Full PDB file with SEQRES, HELIX, SHEET, SSBOND, CRYST1, ORIGX, SCALE, CONECT and MASTER records, all heavy atoms in Angstrom:
SEQRES   1 A   39  ALA HIS LYS THR CYS LEU THR CYS GLU LYS ASP PHE ALA          
SEQRES   2 A   39  TRP ARG LYS LYS TRP ARG SER CYS TRP GLU ARG VAL LEU          
SEQRES   3 A   39  TYR CYS SER GLU ARG CYS ARG ARG ASN LYS LYS VAL ALA          
HELIX    1 AA1 LYS A   16  TRP A   18  5                                   3    
HELIX    2 AA2 TRP A   22  ARG A   24  5                                   3    
HELIX    3 AA3 GLU A   30  ARG A   34  1                                   5    
SHEET    1 AA1 2 HIS A   2  THR A   4  0                                        
SHEET    2 AA1 2 ASP A  11  ALA A  13 -1                                        
CRYST1    1.000    1.000    1.000  90.00  90.00  90.00 P 1           1          
ORIGX1      1.000000  0.000000  0.000000        0.00000                         
ORIGX2      0.000000  1.000000  0.000000        0.00000                         
ORIGX3      0.000000  0.000000  1.000000        0.00000                         
SCALE1      1.000000  0.000000  0.000000        0.00000                         
SCALE2      0.000000  1.000000  0.000000        0.00000                         
SCALE3      0.000000  0.000000  1.000000        0.00000                         
ATOM      1  N   ALA A   1      57.132  94.096 115.388  1.00  0.00           N  
ATOM      2  CA  ALA A   1      58.584  94.304 115.404  1.00  0.00           C  
ATOM      3  C   ALA A   1      59.286  93.289 114.505  1.00  0.00           C  
ATOM      4  O   ALA A   1      58.867  92.148 114.376  1.00  0.00           O  
ATOM      5  CB  ALA A   1      59.096  94.173 116.823  1.00  0.00           C  
ATOM      6  N   HIS A   2      60.384  93.732 113.884  1.00  0.00           N  
ATOM      7  CA  HIS A   2      61.185  92.884 113.002  1.00  0.00           C  
ATOM      8  C   HIS A   2      62.633  92.898 113.452  1.00  0.00           C  
ATOM      9  O   HIS A   2      63.093  93.860 114.055  1.00  0.00           O  
ATOM     10  CB  HIS A   2      61.133  93.366 111.562  1.00  0.00           C  
ATOM     11  CG  HIS A   2      59.826  93.200 110.885  1.00  0.00           C  
ATOM     12  ND1 HIS A   2      58.816  92.444 111.381  1.00  0.00           N  
ATOM     13  CD2 HIS A   2      59.359  93.695 109.724  1.00  0.00           C  
ATOM     14  CE1 HIS A   2      57.800  92.468 110.564  1.00  0.00           C  
ATOM     15  NE2 HIS A   2      58.098  93.245 109.546  1.00  0.00           N  
ATOM     16  N   LYS A   3      63.343  91.817 113.137  1.00  0.00           N  
ATOM     17  CA  LYS A   3      64.783  91.714 113.373  1.00  0.00           C  
ATOM     18  C   LYS A   3      65.409  91.054 112.154  1.00  0.00           C  
ATOM     19  O   LYS A   3      64.722  90.462 111.336  1.00  0.00           O  
ATOM     20  CB  LYS A   3      65.099  90.850 114.600  1.00  0.00           C  
ATOM     21  CG  LYS A   3      64.790  91.505 115.914  1.00  0.00           C  
ATOM     22  CD  LYS A   3      65.300  90.639 117.040  1.00  0.00           C  
ATOM     23  CE  LYS A   3      65.041  91.286 118.378  1.00  0.00           C  
ATOM     24  NZ  LYS A   3      65.618  90.514 119.463  1.00  0.00           N  
ATOM     25  N   THR A   4      66.741  91.098 112.075  1.00  0.00           N  
ATOM     26  CA  THR A   4      67.475  90.429 111.012  1.00  0.00           C  
ATOM     27  C   THR A   4      68.216  89.250 111.610  1.00  0.00           C  
ATOM     28  O   THR A   4      68.916  89.385 112.614  1.00  0.00           O  
ATOM     29  CB  THR A   4      68.476  91.396 110.354  1.00  0.00           C  
ATOM     30  OG1 THR A   4      67.756  92.518 109.864  1.00  0.00           O  
ATOM     31  CG2 THR A   4      69.195  90.729 109.205  1.00  0.00           C  
ATOM     32  N   CYS A   5      68.059  88.081 110.995  1.00  0.00           N  
ATOM     33  CA  CYS A   5      68.702  86.853 111.454  1.00  0.00           C  
ATOM     34  C   CYS A   5      70.217  86.975 111.305  1.00  0.00           C  
ATOM     35  O   CYS A   5      70.711  87.438 110.269  1.00  0.00           O  
ATOM     36  CB  CYS A   5      68.186  85.680 110.645  1.00  0.00           C  
ATOM     37  SG  CYS A   5      68.941  84.107 111.081  1.00  0.00           S  
ATOM     38  N   LEU A   6      70.969  86.559 112.302  1.00  0.00           N  
ATOM     39  CA  LEU A   6      72.424  86.649 112.268  1.00  0.00           C  
ATOM     40  C   LEU A   6      73.063  85.630 111.322  1.00  0.00           C  
ATOM     41  O   LEU A   6      74.170  85.846 110.844  1.00  0.00           O  
ATOM     42  CB  LEU A   6      72.997  86.450 113.673  1.00  0.00           C  
ATOM     43  CG  LEU A   6      72.639  87.513 114.695  1.00  0.00           C  
ATOM     44  CD1 LEU A   6      73.245  87.157 116.047  1.00  0.00           C  
ATOM     45  CD2 LEU A   6      73.091  88.877 114.243  1.00  0.00           C  
ATOM     46  N   THR A   7      72.376  84.549 111.022  1.00  0.00           N  
ATOM     47  CA  THR A   7      72.928  83.513 110.161  1.00  0.00           C  
ATOM     48  C   THR A   7      72.598  83.759 108.689  1.00  0.00           C  
ATOM     49  O   THR A   7      73.495  83.855 107.858  1.00  0.00           O  
ATOM     50  CB  THR A   7      72.416  82.126 110.573  1.00  0.00           C  
ATOM     51  OG1 THR A   7      72.770  81.909 111.939  1.00  0.00           O  
ATOM     52  CG2 THR A   7      73.029  81.036 109.725  1.00  0.00           C  
ATOM     53  N   CYS A   8      71.316  83.874 108.377  1.00  0.00           N  
ATOM     54  CA  CYS A   8      70.900  83.996 106.971  1.00  0.00           C  
ATOM     55  C   CYS A   8      70.663  85.446 106.545  1.00  0.00           C  
ATOM     56  O   CYS A   8      70.451  85.713 105.372  1.00  0.00           O  
ATOM     57  CB  CYS A   8      69.644  83.178 106.719  1.00  0.00           C  
ATOM     58  SG  CYS A   8      68.170  83.783 107.565  1.00  0.00           S  
ATOM     59  N   GLU A   9      70.663  86.349 107.497  1.00  0.00           N  
ATOM     60  CA  GLU A   9      70.484  87.786 107.268  1.00  0.00           C  
ATOM     61  C   GLU A   9      69.140  88.141 106.639  1.00  0.00           C  
ATOM     62  O   GLU A   9      69.001  89.156 105.974  1.00  0.00           O  
ATOM     63  CB  GLU A   9      71.639  88.345 106.438  1.00  0.00           C  
ATOM     64  CG  GLU A   9      72.964  88.200 107.146  1.00  0.00           C  
ATOM     65  CD  GLU A   9      74.118  88.760 106.350  1.00  0.00           C  
ATOM     66  OE1 GLU A   9      73.906  89.253 105.223  1.00  0.00           O  
ATOM     67  OE2 GLU A   9      75.239  88.712 106.855  1.00  0.00           O  
ATOM     68  N   LYS A  10      68.127  87.295 106.865  1.00  0.00           N  
ATOM     69  CA  LYS A  10      66.778  87.597 106.395  1.00  0.00           C  
ATOM     70  C   LYS A  10      66.004  88.269 107.516  1.00  0.00           C  
ATOM     71  O   LYS A  10      66.267  88.053 108.698  1.00  0.00           O  
ATOM     72  CB  LYS A  10      66.052  86.320 105.976  1.00  0.00           C  
ATOM     73  CG  LYS A  10      66.609  85.710 104.721  1.00  0.00           C  
ATOM     74  CD  LYS A  10      65.794  84.506 104.312  1.00  0.00           C  
ATOM     75  CE  LYS A  10      66.366  83.883 103.047  1.00  0.00           C  
ATOM     76  NZ  LYS A  10      65.622  82.689 102.646  1.00  0.00           N  
ATOM     77  N   ASP A  11      65.025  89.069 107.137  1.00  0.00           N  
ATOM     78  CA  ASP A  11      64.184  89.769 108.094  1.00  0.00           C  
ATOM     79  C   ASP A  11      63.129  88.796 108.634  1.00  0.00           C  
ATOM     80  O   ASP A  11      62.566  88.010 107.871  1.00  0.00           O  
ATOM     81  CB  ASP A  11      63.511  90.944 107.390  1.00  0.00           C  
ATOM     82  CG  ASP A  11      62.884  91.908 108.349  1.00  0.00           C  
ATOM     83  OD1 ASP A  11      63.482  92.158 109.416  1.00  0.00           O  
ATOM     84  OD2 ASP A  11      61.790  92.416 108.039  1.00  0.00           O  
ATOM     85  N   PHE A  12      62.892  88.815 109.949  1.00  0.00           N  
ATOM     86  CA  PHE A  12      61.836  87.986 110.520  1.00  0.00           C  
ATOM     87  C   PHE A  12      61.052  88.795 111.545  1.00  0.00           C  
ATOM     88  O   PHE A  12      61.551  89.758 112.113  1.00  0.00           O  
ATOM     89  CB  PHE A  12      62.388  86.686 111.128  1.00  0.00           C  
ATOM     90  CG  PHE A  12      63.304  86.859 112.310  1.00  0.00           C  
ATOM     91  CD1 PHE A  12      62.832  86.722 113.604  1.00  0.00           C  
ATOM     92  CD2 PHE A  12      64.655  87.134 112.131  1.00  0.00           C  
ATOM     93  CE1 PHE A  12      63.670  86.856 114.694  1.00  0.00           C  
ATOM     94  CE2 PHE A  12      65.506  87.270 113.211  1.00  0.00           C  
ATOM     95  CZ  PHE A  12      65.009  87.137 114.496  1.00  0.00           C  
ATOM     96  N   ALA A  13      59.822  88.404 111.750  1.00  0.00           N  
ATOM     97  CA  ALA A  13      58.895  89.162 112.580  1.00  0.00           C  
ATOM     98  C   ALA A  13      58.696  88.515 113.952  1.00  0.00           C  
ATOM     99  O   ALA A  13      58.925  87.321 114.142  1.00  0.00           O  
ATOM    100  CB  ALA A  13      57.548  89.278 111.879  1.00  0.00           C  
ATOM    101  N   TRP A  14      58.231  89.343 114.878  1.00  0.00           N  
ATOM    102  CA  TRP A  14      57.903  88.919 116.234  1.00  0.00           C  
ATOM    103  C   TRP A  14      56.848  87.823 116.191  1.00  0.00           C  
ATOM    104  O   TRP A  14      55.951  87.833 115.353  1.00  0.00           O  
ATOM    105  CB  TRP A  14      57.357  90.129 116.991  1.00  0.00           C  
ATOM    106  CG  TRP A  14      56.953  89.883 118.394  1.00  0.00           C  
ATOM    107  CD1 TRP A  14      57.744  89.968 119.489  1.00  0.00           C  
ATOM    108  CD2 TRP A  14      55.644  89.543 118.869  1.00  0.00           C  
ATOM    109  NE1 TRP A  14      57.012  89.704 120.617  1.00  0.00           N  
ATOM    110  CE2 TRP A  14      55.719  89.433 120.262  1.00  0.00           C  
ATOM    111  CE3 TRP A  14      54.426  89.312 118.234  1.00  0.00           C  
ATOM    112  CZ2 TRP A  14      54.618  89.114 121.041  1.00  0.00           C  
ATOM    113  CZ3 TRP A  14      53.332  88.985 119.021  1.00  0.00           C  
ATOM    114  CH2 TRP A  14      53.442  88.886 120.408  1.00  0.00           C  
ATOM    115  N   ARG A  15      56.982  86.854 117.096  1.00  0.00           N  
ATOM    116  CA  ARG A  15      55.983  85.786 117.249  1.00  0.00           C  
ATOM    117  C   ARG A  15      55.484  85.778 118.677  1.00  0.00           C  
ATOM    118  O   ARG A  15      56.212  86.135 119.595  1.00  0.00           O  
ATOM    119  CB  ARG A  15      56.591  84.415 116.936  1.00  0.00           C  
ATOM    120  CG  ARG A  15      56.962  84.217 115.509  1.00  0.00           C  
ATOM    121  CD  ARG A  15      57.428  82.788 115.343  1.00  0.00           C  
ATOM    122  NE  ARG A  15      57.889  82.541 113.997  1.00  0.00           N  
ATOM    123  CZ  ARG A  15      58.384  81.396 113.603  1.00  0.00           C  
ATOM    124  NH1 ARG A  15      58.505  80.390 114.445  1.00  0.00           N  
ATOM    125  NH2 ARG A  15      58.780  81.237 112.360  1.00  0.00           N  
ATOM    126  N   LYS A  16      54.271  85.324 118.850  1.00  0.00           N  
ATOM    127  CA  LYS A  16      53.663  85.295 120.172  1.00  0.00           C  
ATOM    128  C   LYS A  16      54.480  84.454 121.149  1.00  0.00           C  
ATOM    129  O   LYS A  16      54.623  84.808 122.313  1.00  0.00           O  
ATOM    130  CB  LYS A  16      52.236  84.754 120.075  1.00  0.00           C  
ATOM    131  CG  LYS A  16      51.459  84.881 121.350  1.00  0.00           C  
ATOM    132  CD  LYS A  16      50.013  84.462 121.152  1.00  0.00           C  
ATOM    133  CE  LYS A  16      49.224  84.614 122.424  1.00  0.00           C  
ATOM    134  NZ  LYS A  16      47.829  84.222 122.235  1.00  0.00           N  
ATOM    135  N   LYS A  17      55.071  83.354 120.676  1.00  0.00           N  
ATOM    136  CA  LYS A  17      55.853  82.493 121.566  1.00  0.00           C  
ATOM    137  C   LYS A  17      57.131  83.181 122.050  1.00  0.00           C  
ATOM    138  O   LYS A  17      57.748  82.735 123.010  1.00  0.00           O  
ATOM    139  CB  LYS A  17      56.166  81.156 120.903  1.00  0.00           C  
ATOM    140  CG  LYS A  17      57.164  81.221 119.780  1.00  0.00           C  
ATOM    141  CD  LYS A  17      57.432  79.815 119.264  1.00  0.00           C  
ATOM    142  CE  LYS A  17      58.561  79.808 118.266  1.00  0.00           C  
ATOM    143  NZ  LYS A  17      58.883  78.449 117.840  1.00  0.00           N  
ATOM    144  N   TRP A  18      57.546  84.265 121.370  1.00  0.00           N  
ATOM    145  CA  TRP A  18      58.751  85.006 121.765  1.00  0.00           C  
ATOM    146  C   TRP A  18      58.427  86.223 122.625  1.00  0.00           C  
ATOM    147  O   TRP A  18      59.310  87.038 122.911  1.00  0.00           O  
ATOM    148  CB  TRP A  18      59.502  85.481 120.521  1.00  0.00           C  
ATOM    149  CG  TRP A  18      60.127  84.401 119.722  1.00  0.00           C  
ATOM    150  CD1 TRP A  18      60.561  83.178 120.156  1.00  0.00           C  
ATOM    151  CD2 TRP A  18      60.398  84.429 118.324  1.00  0.00           C  
ATOM    152  NE1 TRP A  18      61.092  82.449 119.125  1.00  0.00           N  
ATOM    153  CE2 TRP A  18      61.006  83.204 117.976  1.00  0.00           C  
ATOM    154  CE3 TRP A  18      60.198  85.374 117.324  1.00  0.00           C  
ATOM    155  CZ2 TRP A  18      61.404  82.909 116.684  1.00  0.00           C  
ATOM    156  CZ3 TRP A  18      60.594  85.072 116.035  1.00  0.00           C  
ATOM    157  CH2 TRP A  18      61.186  83.855 115.729  1.00  0.00           C  
ATOM    158  N   ARG A  19      57.183  86.393 123.063  1.00  0.00           N  
ATOM    159  CA  ARG A  19      56.784  87.614 123.770  1.00  0.00           C  
ATOM    160  C   ARG A  19      57.574  87.850 125.048  1.00  0.00           C  
ATOM    161  O   ARG A  19      57.836  88.981 125.408  1.00  0.00           O  
ATOM    162  CB  ARG A  19      55.291  87.607 124.045  1.00  0.00           C  
ATOM    163  CG  ARG A  19      54.849  86.546 125.009  1.00  0.00           C  
ATOM    164  CD  ARG A  19      53.356  86.604 125.272  1.00  0.00           C  
ATOM    165  NE  ARG A  19      52.965  85.371 125.924  1.00  0.00           N  
ATOM    166  CZ  ARG A  19      51.993  84.598 125.524  1.00  0.00           C  
ATOM    167  NH1 ARG A  19      51.272  84.941 124.489  1.00  0.00           N  
ATOM    168  NH2 ARG A  19      51.717  83.484 126.154  1.00  0.00           N  
ATOM    169  N   SER A  20      58.020  86.791 125.729  1.00  0.00           N  
ATOM    170  CA  SER A  20      58.749  86.972 126.987  1.00  0.00           C  
ATOM    171  C   SER A  20      60.263  87.060 126.790  1.00  0.00           C  
ATOM    172  O   SER A  20      60.973  87.430 127.721  1.00  0.00           O  
ATOM    173  CB  SER A  20      58.430  85.829 127.945  1.00  0.00           C  
ATOM    174  OG  SER A  20      58.863  84.607 127.391  1.00  0.00           O  
ATOM    175  N   CYS A  21      60.752  86.765 125.585  1.00  0.00           N  
ATOM    176  CA  CYS A  21      62.199  86.741 125.374  1.00  0.00           C  
ATOM    177  C   CYS A  21      62.625  87.380 124.050  1.00  0.00           C  
ATOM    178  O   CYS A  21      63.672  87.037 123.509  1.00  0.00           O  
ATOM    179  CB  CYS A  21      62.720  85.315 125.466  1.00  0.00           C  
ATOM    180  SG  CYS A  21      62.032  84.213 124.210  1.00  0.00           S  
ATOM    181  N   TRP A  22      61.843  88.298 123.513  1.00  0.00           N  
ATOM    182  CA  TRP A  22      62.130  88.898 122.207  1.00  0.00           C  
ATOM    183  C   TRP A  22      63.509  89.558 122.151  1.00  0.00           C  
ATOM    184  O   TRP A  22      64.181  89.529 121.140  1.00  0.00           O  
ATOM    185  CB  TRP A  22      61.043  89.902 121.856  1.00  0.00           C  
ATOM    186  CG  TRP A  22      61.252  90.623 120.558  1.00  0.00           C  
ATOM    187  CD1 TRP A  22      61.428  91.959 120.401  1.00  0.00           C  
ATOM    188  CD2 TRP A  22      61.299  90.075 119.236  1.00  0.00           C  
ATOM    189  NE1 TRP A  22      61.572  92.276 119.075  1.00  0.00           N  
ATOM    190  CE2 TRP A  22      61.505  91.130 118.334  1.00  0.00           C  
ATOM    191  CE3 TRP A  22      61.202  88.785 118.722  1.00  0.00           C  
ATOM    192  CZ2 TRP A  22      61.610  90.937 116.957  1.00  0.00           C  
ATOM    193  CZ3 TRP A  22      61.304  88.604 117.356  1.00  0.00           C  
ATOM    194  CH2 TRP A  22      61.505  89.665 116.492  1.00  0.00           C  
ATOM    195  N   GLU A  23      63.964  90.114 123.251  1.00  0.00           N  
ATOM    196  CA  GLU A  23      65.277  90.769 123.293  1.00  0.00           C  
ATOM    197  C   GLU A  23      66.410  89.774 123.066  1.00  0.00           C  
ATOM    198  O   GLU A  23      67.458  90.129 122.553  1.00  0.00           O  
ATOM    199  CB  GLU A  23      65.500  91.480 124.632  1.00  0.00           C  
ATOM    200  CG  GLU A  23      64.508  92.582 124.933  1.00  0.00           C  
ATOM    201  CD  GLU A  23      63.198  92.061 125.482  1.00  0.00           C  
ATOM    202  OE1 GLU A  23      63.172  90.963 126.080  1.00  0.00           O  
ATOM    203  OE2 GLU A  23      62.180  92.745 125.279  1.00  0.00           O  
ATOM    204  N   ARG A  24      66.204  88.516 123.443  1.00  0.00           N  
ATOM    205  CA  ARG A  24      67.242  87.493 123.319  1.00  0.00           C  
ATOM    206  C   ARG A  24      67.176  86.704 122.014  1.00  0.00           C  
ATOM    207  O   ARG A  24      68.087  85.934 121.723  1.00  0.00           O  
ATOM    208  CB  ARG A  24      67.149  86.529 124.497  1.00  0.00           C  
ATOM    209  CG  ARG A  24      67.431  87.196 125.838  1.00  0.00           C  
ATOM    210  CD  ARG A  24      67.466  86.184 126.952  1.00  0.00           C  
ATOM    211  NE  ARG A  24      66.350  85.267 126.920  1.00  0.00           N  
ATOM    212  CZ  ARG A  24      65.398  85.170 127.833  1.00  0.00           C  
ATOM    213  NH1 ARG A  24      65.437  85.927 128.894  1.00  0.00           N  
ATOM    214  NH2 ARG A  24      64.421  84.301 127.707  1.00  0.00           N  
ATOM    215  N   VAL A  25      66.121  86.875 121.232  1.00  0.00           N  
ATOM    216  CA  VAL A  25      65.972  86.141 119.972  1.00  0.00           C  
ATOM    217  C   VAL A  25      66.945  86.719 118.943  1.00  0.00           C  
ATOM    218  O   VAL A  25      66.957  87.917 118.690  1.00  0.00           O  
ATOM    219  CB  VAL A  25      64.528  86.235 119.440  1.00  0.00           C  
ATOM    220  CG1 VAL A  25      64.407  85.586 118.080  1.00  0.00           C  
ATOM    221  CG2 VAL A  25      63.561  85.598 120.420  1.00  0.00           C  
ATOM    222  N   LEU A  26      67.787  85.856 118.372  1.00  0.00           N  
ATOM    223  CA  LEU A  26      68.801  86.285 117.405  1.00  0.00           C  
ATOM    224  C   LEU A  26      68.648  85.618 116.043  1.00  0.00           C  
ATOM    225  O   LEU A  26      69.176  86.118 115.053  1.00  0.00           O  
ATOM    226  CB  LEU A  26      70.195  85.970 117.947  1.00  0.00           C  
ATOM    227  CG  LEU A  26      70.561  86.603 119.280  1.00  0.00           C  
ATOM    228  CD1 LEU A  26      71.911  86.091 119.738  1.00  0.00           C  
ATOM    229  CD2 LEU A  26      70.542  88.110 119.182  1.00  0.00           C  
ATOM    230  N   TYR A  27      67.946  84.476 115.998  1.00  0.00           N  
ATOM    231  CA  TYR A  27      67.859  83.679 114.780  1.00  0.00           C  
ATOM    232  C   TYR A  27      66.409  83.482 114.388  1.00  0.00           C  
ATOM    233  O   TYR A  27      65.535  83.369 115.247  1.00  0.00           O  
ATOM    234  CB  TYR A  27      68.534  82.325 114.990  1.00  0.00           C  
ATOM    235  CG  TYR A  27      69.953  82.471 115.489  1.00  0.00           C  
ATOM    236  CD1 TYR A  27      70.262  82.318 116.828  1.00  0.00           C  
ATOM    237  CD2 TYR A  27      70.975  82.809 114.614  1.00  0.00           C  
ATOM    238  CE1 TYR A  27      71.552  82.478 117.290  1.00  0.00           C  
ATOM    239  CE2 TYR A  27      72.274  82.976 115.059  1.00  0.00           C  
ATOM    240  CZ  TYR A  27      72.555  82.815 116.398  1.00  0.00           C  
ATOM    241  OH  TYR A  27      73.843  82.993 116.838  1.00  0.00           O  
ATOM    242  N   CYS A  28      66.148  83.389 113.088  1.00  0.00           N  
ATOM    243  CA  CYS A  28      64.779  83.277 112.594  1.00  0.00           C  
ATOM    244  C   CYS A  28      64.205  81.874 112.758  1.00  0.00           C  
ATOM    245  O   CYS A  28      62.990  81.690 112.766  1.00  0.00           O  
ATOM    246  CB  CYS A  28      64.709  83.700 111.134  1.00  0.00           C  
ATOM    247  SG  CYS A  28      65.645  82.648 109.998  1.00  0.00           S  
ATOM    248  N   SER A  29      65.081  80.875 112.889  1.00  0.00           N  
ATOM    249  CA  SER A  29      64.601  79.496 112.966  1.00  0.00           C  
ATOM    250  C   SER A  29      65.586  78.629 113.748  1.00  0.00           C  
ATOM    251  O   SER A  29      66.719  79.028 114.016  1.00  0.00           O  
ATOM    252  CB  SER A  29      64.445  78.914 111.557  1.00  0.00           C  
ATOM    253  OG  SER A  29      65.714  78.836 110.932  1.00  0.00           O  
ATOM    254  N   GLU A  30      65.135  77.454 114.075  1.00  0.00           N  
ATOM    255  CA  GLU A  30      65.987  76.476 114.752  1.00  0.00           C  
ATOM    256  C   GLU A  30      67.150  76.073 113.847  1.00  0.00           C  
ATOM    257  O   GLU A  30      68.272  75.874 114.305  1.00  0.00           O  
ATOM    258  CB  GLU A  30      65.150  75.248 115.128  1.00  0.00           C  
ATOM    259  CG  GLU A  30      65.849  74.280 116.027  1.00  0.00           C  
ATOM    260  CD  GLU A  30      66.140  74.822 117.413  1.00  0.00           C  
ATOM    261  OE1 GLU A  30      65.439  75.737 117.866  1.00  0.00           O  
ATOM    262  OE2 GLU A  30      67.100  74.332 118.034  1.00  0.00           O  
ATOM    263  N   ARG A  31      66.887  75.973 112.563  1.00  0.00           N  
ATOM    264  CA  ARG A  31      67.935  75.621 111.608  1.00  0.00           C  
ATOM    265  C   ARG A  31      69.055  76.668 111.598  1.00  0.00           C  
ATOM    266  O   ARG A  31      70.235  76.325 111.606  1.00  0.00           O  
ATOM    267  CB  ARG A  31      67.331  75.487 110.217  1.00  0.00           C  
ATOM    268  CG  ARG A  31      68.326  75.103 109.162  1.00  0.00           C  
ATOM    269  CD  ARG A  31      67.649  74.966 107.830  1.00  0.00           C  
ATOM    270  NE  ARG A  31      68.596  74.577 106.818  1.00  0.00           N  
ATOM    271  CZ  ARG A  31      68.296  74.368 105.561  1.00  0.00           C  
ATOM    272  NH1 ARG A  31      67.057  74.515 105.163  1.00  0.00           N  
ATOM    273  NH2 ARG A  31      69.210  74.028 104.709  1.00  0.00           N  
ATOM    274  N   CYS A  32      68.700  77.931 111.594  1.00  0.00           N  
ATOM    275  CA  CYS A  32      69.717  78.996 111.631  1.00  0.00           C  
ATOM    276  C   CYS A  32      70.466  78.991 112.959  1.00  0.00           C  
ATOM    277  O   CYS A  32      71.672  79.230 112.993  1.00  0.00           O  
ATOM    278  CB  CYS A  32      69.075  80.358 111.384  1.00  0.00           C  
ATOM    279  SG  CYS A  32      68.757  80.673 109.646  1.00  0.00           S  
ATOM    280  N   ARG A  33      69.768  78.708 114.043  1.00  0.00           N  
ATOM    281  CA  ARG A  33      70.433  78.649 115.343  1.00  0.00           C  
ATOM    282  C   ARG A  33      71.456  77.520 115.375  1.00  0.00           C  
ATOM    283  O   ARG A  33      72.570  77.688 115.872  1.00  0.00           O  
ATOM    284  CB  ARG A  33      69.411  78.462 116.471  1.00  0.00           C  
ATOM    285  CG  ARG A  33      70.038  78.578 117.858  1.00  0.00           C  
ATOM    286  CD  ARG A  33      69.054  78.241 118.954  1.00  0.00           C  
ATOM    287  NE  ARG A  33      68.647  76.853 118.928  1.00  0.00           N  
ATOM    288  CZ  ARG A  33      69.379  75.834 119.390  1.00  0.00           C  
ATOM    289  NH1 ARG A  33      70.564  76.051 119.902  1.00  0.00           N  
ATOM    290  NH2 ARG A  33      68.932  74.598 119.320  1.00  0.00           N  
ATOM    291  N   ARG A  34      71.102  76.364 114.802  1.00  0.00           N  
ATOM    292  CA  ARG A  34      72.032  75.227 114.763  1.00  0.00           C  
ATOM    293  C   ARG A  34      73.226  75.492 113.855  1.00  0.00           C  
ATOM    294  O   ARG A  34      74.313  75.004 114.121  1.00  0.00           O  
ATOM    295  CB  ARG A  34      71.310  73.975 114.272  1.00  0.00           C  
ATOM    296  CG  ARG A  34      70.481  73.327 115.325  1.00  0.00           C  
ATOM    297  CD  ARG A  34      70.005  71.964 114.849  1.00  0.00           C  
ATOM    298  NE  ARG A  34      68.653  71.747 115.298  1.00  0.00           N  
ATOM    299  CZ  ARG A  34      67.593  71.578 114.516  1.00  0.00           C  
ATOM    300  NH1 ARG A  34      67.723  71.560 113.217  1.00  0.00           N  
ATOM    301  NH2 ARG A  34      66.404  71.408 115.022  1.00  0.00           N  
ATOM    302  N   ASN A  35      73.027  76.231 112.799  1.00  0.00           N  
ATOM    303  CA  ASN A  35      74.080  76.497 111.823  1.00  0.00           C  
ATOM    304  C   ASN A  35      74.899  77.738 112.142  1.00  0.00           C  
ATOM    305  O   ASN A  35      75.737  78.130 111.346  1.00  0.00           O  
ATOM    306  CB  ASN A  35      73.482  76.631 110.421  1.00  0.00           C  
ATOM    307  CG  ASN A  35      72.951  75.324 109.915  1.00  0.00           C  
ATOM    308  OD1 ASN A  35      73.473  74.265 110.244  1.00  0.00           O  
ATOM    309  ND2 ASN A  35      71.899  75.376 109.133  1.00  0.00           N  
ATOM    310  N   LYS A  36      74.702  78.328 113.297  1.00  0.00           N  
ATOM    311  CA  LYS A  36      75.417  79.558 113.636  1.00  0.00           C  
ATOM    312  C   LYS A  36      76.926  79.346 113.690  1.00  0.00           C  
ATOM    313  O   LYS A  36      77.682  80.213 113.297  1.00  0.00           O  
ATOM    314  CB  LYS A  36      74.931  80.130 114.956  1.00  0.00           C  
ATOM    315  CG  LYS A  36      75.242  79.270 116.164  1.00  0.00           C  
ATOM    316  CD  LYS A  36      74.647  79.857 117.412  1.00  0.00           C  
ATOM    317  CE  LYS A  36      74.846  78.910 118.573  1.00  0.00           C  
ATOM    318  NZ  LYS A  36      74.160  79.363 119.745  1.00  0.00           N  
ATOM    319  N   LYS A  37      77.392  78.185 114.130  1.00  0.00           N  
ATOM    320  CA  LYS A  37      78.828  77.917 114.204  1.00  0.00           C  
ATOM    321  C   LYS A  37      79.434  77.837 112.811  1.00  0.00           C  
ATOM    322  O   LYS A  37      80.538  78.290 112.590  1.00  0.00           O  
ATOM    323  CB  LYS A  37      79.091  76.629 114.972  1.00  0.00           C  
ATOM    324  CG  LYS A  37      78.728  76.734 116.429  1.00  0.00           C  
ATOM    325  CD  LYS A  37      78.945  75.442 117.152  1.00  0.00           C  
ATOM    326  CE  LYS A  37      78.482  75.557 118.596  1.00  0.00           C  
ATOM    327  NZ  LYS A  37      78.561  74.302 119.302  1.00  0.00           N  
ATOM    328  N   VAL A  38      78.697  77.282 111.871  1.00  0.00           N  
ATOM    329  CA  VAL A  38      79.175  77.180 110.496  1.00  0.00           C  
ATOM    330  C   VAL A  38      79.325  78.584 109.902  1.00  0.00           C  
ATOM    331  O   VAL A  38      80.318  78.896 109.274  1.00  0.00           O  
ATOM    332  CB  VAL A  38      78.200  76.330 109.647  1.00  0.00           C  
ATOM    333  CG1 VAL A  38      78.595  76.358 108.188  1.00  0.00           C  
ATOM    334  CG2 VAL A  38      78.158  74.922 110.171  1.00  0.00           C  
ATOM    335  N   ALA A  39      78.354  79.444 110.128  1.00  0.00           N  
ATOM    336  CA  ALA A  39      78.401  80.797 109.586  1.00  0.00           C  
ATOM    337  C   ALA A  39      79.534  81.592 110.225  1.00  0.00           C  
ATOM    338  O   ALA A  39      80.248  82.327 109.554  1.00  0.00           O  
ATOM    339  CB  ALA A  39      77.070  81.505 109.824  1.00  0.00           C  
TER     340      ALA A  39                                                      
MASTER        0    0    0    3    2    0    0    6  339    1    0    3          
END                                                                             
């Protein structure tokens, strides 16, 4: 499965560490999550 990051708008893929919370994942990285307010 793939999603688009809300901050950088790049496509990112499912990761094993996200298996229990994939529905809640919105950002491709910690950096994008931190910069969400700036965007």
